[in-house]
Amino acid sequence: MRPQMEPVLSTDAALLAILEELKQREPIFHRPEFGTTRADFEGMMHTDFWEIGASGRRYAREYVLNELEKRHQHPQKEEWETSEFHCRLLAPDLYLLTYTLIQDKIRKTRRSTIWQYTLLGWKIVFHQGTVVEDE
């Protein structure tokens, strides 16, 4: 990696409580304490949620819900290791959370989720995962 290529990320002290709240919700859709049913996942998502997968493909809310429903019919044991969390305020009640995820000790991705705090609680507006090439 070239010197000064990586940004220095630090979360504003005023956002540390929010950072801690959101860390508990990541990786999204993999925290059983927040639900495992289609209705639970719908409740987590903003109505116009979409995401970009590690492949670079875009996925609509309905497609993601269908895939989550299939996944939870045949659960598999997965190991998730998260680190390097950073939270940034984008607009009132709208936050960008970024972090690194290592899945099953092999696959490393950088993740970003845009979260909105609403009257009904936290909602996921957007999510993206990008595979990290050899560093």
C-alpha atoms as a PDB file:
ATOM      1  CA  MET A   1       0.000   0.000   0.000  1.00  0.00           C
ATOM      2  CA  ARG A   2       1.303   3.429  -0.894  1.00  0.00           C
ATOM      3  CA  PRO A   3       2.060   5.884   1.925  1.00  0.00           C
ATOM      4  CA  GLN A   4      -0.837   8.186   2.784  1.00  0.00           C
ATOM      5  CA  MET A   5      -3.237   6.149   0.642  1.00  0.00           C
ATOM      6  CA  GLU A   6      -5.440   5.148   3.569  1.00  0.00           C
ATOM      7  CA  PRO A   7      -7.591   7.863   5.159  1.00  0.00           C
ATOM      8  CA  VAL A   8      -7.356   8.523   8.863  1.00  0.00           C
ATOM      9  CA  LEU A   9     -10.830   7.735  10.155  1.00  0.00           C
ATOM     10  CA  SER A  10     -11.966   8.888  13.553  1.00  0.00           C
ATOM     11  CA  THR A  11     -15.479   9.198  14.830  1.00  0.00           C
ATOM     12  CA  ASP A  12     -16.490  12.532  16.328  1.00  0.00           C
ATOM     13  CA  ALA A  13     -16.810  12.224  20.109  1.00  0.00           C
ATOM     14  CA  ALA A  14     -20.435  13.414  19.886  1.00  0.00           C
ATOM     15  CA  LEU A  15     -21.227  10.291  17.807  1.00  0.00           C
ATOM     16  CA  LEU A  16     -19.594   7.640  19.986  1.00  0.00           C
ATOM     17  CA  ALA A  17     -22.885   6.478  21.557  1.00  0.00           C
ATOM     18  CA  ILE A  18     -24.450   6.137  18.103  1.00  0.00           C
ATOM     19  CA  LEU A  19     -21.354   4.313  16.864  1.00  0.00           C
ATOM     20  CA  GLU A  20     -21.743   1.791  19.687  1.00  0.00           C
ATOM     21  CA  GLU A  21     -25.452   1.298  18.922  1.00  0.00           C
ATOM     22  CA  LEU A  22     -24.842   0.719  15.237  1.00  0.00           C
ATOM     23  CA  LYS A  23     -21.865  -1.604  15.798  1.00  0.00           C
ATOM     24  CA  GLN A  24     -24.257  -3.961  17.575  1.00  0.00           C
ATOM     25  CA  ARG A  25     -26.398  -4.163  14.403  1.00  0.00           C
ATOM     26  CA  GLU A  26     -23.586  -5.109  12.005  1.00  0.00           C
ATOM     27  CA  PRO A  27     -23.167  -7.111   9.946  1.00  0.00           C
ATOM     28  CA  ILE A  28     -26.739  -6.348   8.958  1.00  0.00           C
ATOM     29  CA  PHE A  29     -29.185  -9.259   8.746  1.00  0.00           C
ATOM     30  CA  HIS A  30     -26.769 -11.476  10.723  1.00  0.00           C
ATOM     31  CA  ARG A  31     -27.762 -10.480  14.247  1.00  0.00           C
ATOM     32  CA  PRO A  32     -30.512 -12.840  15.439  1.00  0.00           C
ATOM     33  CA  GLU A  33     -31.307 -10.562  18.381  1.00  0.00           C
ATOM     34  CA  PHE A  34     -32.754  -8.108  15.823  1.00  0.00           C
ATOM     35  CA  GLY A  35     -34.805 -10.775  14.089  1.00  0.00           C
ATOM     36  CA  THR A  36     -34.676 -13.668  11.655  1.00  0.00           C
ATOM     37  CA  THR A  37     -37.976 -13.474   9.788  1.00  0.00           C
ATOM     38  CA  ARG A  38     -38.951 -11.637   6.640  1.00  0.00           C
ATOM     39  CA  ALA A  39     -41.133  -9.312   8.731  1.00  0.00           C
ATOM     40  CA  ASP A  40     -38.149  -8.558  10.993  1.00  0.00           C
ATOM     41  CA  PHE A  41     -35.936  -7.747   8.006  1.00  0.00           C
ATOM     42  CA  GLU A  42     -38.644  -5.567   6.438  1.00  0.00           C
ATOM     43  CA  GLY A  43     -38.801  -3.660   9.711  1.00  0.00           C
ATOM     44  CA  MET A  44     -35.037  -3.053   9.598  1.00  0.00           C
ATOM     45  CA  MET A  45     -35.091  -1.591   6.080  1.00  0.00           C
ATOM     46  CA  HIS A  46     -36.153   1.764   4.770  1.00  0.00           C
ATOM     47  CA  THR A  47     -38.904   1.372   2.148  1.00  0.00           C
ATOM     48  CA  ASP A  48     -36.504   2.326  -0.663  1.00  0.00           C
ATOM     49  CA  PHE A  49     -33.522   0.323   0.632  1.00  0.00           C
ATOM     50  CA  TRP A  50     -31.079  -1.086  -1.908  1.00  0.00           C
ATOM     51  CA  GLU A  51     -27.567  -2.416  -1.816  1.00  0.00           C
ATOM     52  CA  ILE A  52     -24.463  -3.068  -3.872  1.00  0.00           C
ATOM     53  CA  GLY A  53     -22.982  -6.491  -3.276  1.00  0.00           C
ATOM     54  CA  ALA A  54     -19.309  -7.422  -3.243  1.00  0.00           C
ATOM     55  CA  SER A  55     -19.771  -8.489  -6.881  1.00  0.00           C
ATOM     56  CA  GLY A  56     -20.692  -4.928  -7.835  1.00  0.00           C
ATOM     57  CA  ARG A  57     -24.273  -5.956  -8.610  1.00  0.00           C
ATOM     58  CA  ARG A  58     -27.132  -3.778  -7.372  1.00  0.00           C
ATOM     59  CA  TYR A  59     -29.911  -5.457  -5.425  1.00  0.00           C
ATOM     60  CA  ALA A  60     -33.427  -4.143  -4.821  1.00  0.00           C
ATOM     61  CA  ARG A  61     -35.144  -4.386  -1.447  1.00  0.00           C
ATOM     62  CA  GLU A  62     -37.536  -7.136  -2.569  1.00  0.00           C
ATOM     63  CA  TYR A  63     -34.715  -9.264  -3.971  1.00  0.00           C
ATOM     64  CA  VAL A  64     -32.737  -8.946  -0.729  1.00  0.00           C
ATOM     65  CA  LEU A  65     -35.813  -9.889   1.320  1.00  0.00           C
ATOM     66  CA  ASN A  66     -36.377 -12.979  -0.822  1.00  0.00           C
ATOM     67  CA  GLU A  67     -32.731 -14.037  -0.461  1.00  0.00           C
ATOM     68  CA  LEU A  68     -32.785 -13.486   3.306  1.00  0.00           C
ATOM     69  CA  GLU A  69     -35.930 -15.582   3.582  1.00  0.00           C
ATOM     70  CA  LYS A  70     -34.239 -18.437   1.654  1.00  0.00           C
ATOM     71  CA  ARG A  71     -31.050 -18.135   3.722  1.00  0.00           C
ATOM     72  CA  HIS A  72     -32.922 -18.437   6.998  1.00  0.00           C
ATOM     73  CA  GLN A  73     -34.805 -21.539   5.851  1.00  0.00           C
ATOM     74  CA  HIS A  74     -31.424 -23.318   5.645  1.00  0.00           C
ATOM     75  CA  PRO A  75     -29.142 -21.577   8.152  1.00  0.00           C
ATOM     76  CA  GLN A  76     -25.411 -22.209   7.958  1.00  0.00           C
ATOM     77  CA  LYS A  77     -22.833 -21.557  10.624  1.00  0.00           C
ATOM     78  CA  GLU A  78     -20.738 -18.547   9.683  1.00  0.00           C
ATOM     79  CA  GLU A  79     -18.010 -16.757  11.575  1.00  0.00           C
ATOM     80  CA  TRP A  80     -17.948 -12.947  11.427  1.00  0.00           C
ATOM     81  CA  GLU A  81     -15.136 -10.733  12.655  1.00  0.00           C
ATOM     82  CA  THR A  82     -15.741  -6.981  12.512  1.00  0.00           C
ATOM     83  CA  SER A  83     -13.259  -4.162  13.089  1.00  0.00           C
ATOM     84  CA  GLU A  84     -12.288  -0.607  12.131  1.00  0.00           C
ATOM     85  CA  PHE A  85     -15.710   0.935  12.727  1.00  0.00           C
ATOM     86  CA  HIS A  86     -16.227   4.572  11.821  1.00  0.00           C
ATOM     87  CA  CYS A  87     -19.404   6.654  12.051  1.00  0.00           C
ATOM     88  CA  ARG A  88     -20.128   9.931  10.297  1.00  0.00           C
ATOM     89  CA  LEU A  89     -23.198  12.178  10.442  1.00  0.00           C
ATOM     90  CA  LEU A  90     -24.493  12.803   6.903  1.00  0.00           C
ATOM     91  CA  ALA A  91     -27.633  14.802   7.755  1.00  0.00           C
ATOM     92  CA  PRO A  92     -29.941  15.046  10.762  1.00  0.00           C
ATOM     93  CA  ASP A  93     -30.704  11.459  11.878  1.00  0.00           C
ATOM     94  CA  LEU A  94     -28.758   9.991   8.906  1.00  0.00           C
ATOM     95  CA  TYR A  95     -25.422   8.233   9.530  1.00  0.00           C
ATOM     96  CA  LEU A  96     -22.752   6.462   7.503  1.00  0.00           C
ATOM     97  CA  LEU A  97     -21.201   3.481   9.276  1.00  0.00           C
ATOM     98  CA  THR A  98     -18.122   1.885   7.740  1.00  0.00           C
ATOM     99  CA  TYR A  99     -16.148  -1.131   8.925  1.00  0.00           C
ATOM    100  CA  THR A 100     -14.104  -4.143   7.893  1.00  0.00           C
ATOM    101  CA  LEU A 101     -15.573  -7.649   7.940  1.00  0.00           C
ATOM    102  CA  ILE A 102     -13.686 -10.939   7.788  1.00  0.00           C
ATOM    103  CA  GLN A 103     -15.990 -13.857   7.018  1.00  0.00           C
ATOM    104  CA  ASP A 104     -14.976 -17.380   8.047  1.00  0.00           C
ATOM    105  CA  LYS A 105     -11.363 -16.184   8.543  1.00  0.00           C
ATOM    106  CA  ILE A 106     -10.966 -15.919   4.742  1.00  0.00           C
ATOM    107  CA  ARG A 107     -13.026 -13.303   2.922  1.00  0.00           C
ATOM    108  CA  LYS A 108     -12.243  -9.681   3.794  1.00  0.00           C
ATOM    109  CA  THR A 109     -14.638  -6.928   2.797  1.00  0.00           C
ATOM    110  CA  ARG A 110     -15.066  -3.252   3.547  1.00  0.00           C
ATOM    111  CA  ARG A 111     -18.661  -2.455   4.398  1.00  0.00           C
ATOM    112  CA  SER A 112     -20.695   0.716   4.456  1.00  0.00           C
ATOM    113  CA  THR A 113     -24.233   1.101   5.695  1.00  0.00           C
ATOM    114  CA  ILE A 114     -26.322   4.254   5.708  1.00  0.00           C
ATOM    115  CA  TRP A 115     -28.579   4.228   8.759  1.00  0.00           C
ATOM    116  CA  GLN A 116     -31.504   6.517   9.506  1.00  0.00           C
ATOM    117  CA  TYR A 117     -32.960   6.996  12.952  1.00  0.00           C
ATOM    118  CA  THR A 118     -36.764   7.181  12.697  1.00  0.00           C
ATOM    119  CA  LEU A 119     -39.738   7.213  15.053  1.00  0.00           C
ATOM    120  CA  LEU A 120     -39.772   3.412  14.651  1.00  0.00           C
ATOM    121  CA  GLY A 121     -36.050   3.059  15.424  1.00  0.00           C
ATOM    122  CA  TRP A 122     -33.058   2.394  13.187  1.00  0.00           C
ATOM    123  CA  LYS A 123     -33.648   1.754   9.476  1.00  0.00           C
ATOM    124  CA  ILE A 124     -31.115   0.655   6.868  1.00  0.00           C
ATOM    125  CA  VAL A 125     -31.244   2.976   3.856  1.00  0.00           C
ATOM    126  CA  PHE A 126     -28.315   1.596   1.838  1.00  0.00           C
ATOM    127  CA  HIS A 127     -25.564  -1.007   2.147  1.00  0.00           C
ATOM    128  CA  GLN A 128     -22.427  -1.877   0.179  1.00  0.00           C
ATOM    129  CA  GLY A 129     -19.755  -4.532   0.553  1.00  0.00           C
ATOM    130  CA  THR A 130     -16.493  -4.487  -1.392  1.00  0.00           C
ATOM    131  CA  VAL A 131     -14.009  -7.347  -1.429  1.00  0.00           C
ATOM    132  CA  VAL A 132     -10.508  -6.286  -0.381  1.00  0.00           C
ATOM    133  CA  GLU A 133      -7.780  -7.386  -2.759  1.00  0.00           C
ATOM    134  CA  ASP A 134      -4.398  -8.354  -1.373  1.00  0.00           C
ATOM    135  CA  GLU A 135      -3.029  -5.426   0.562  1.00  0.00           C
END
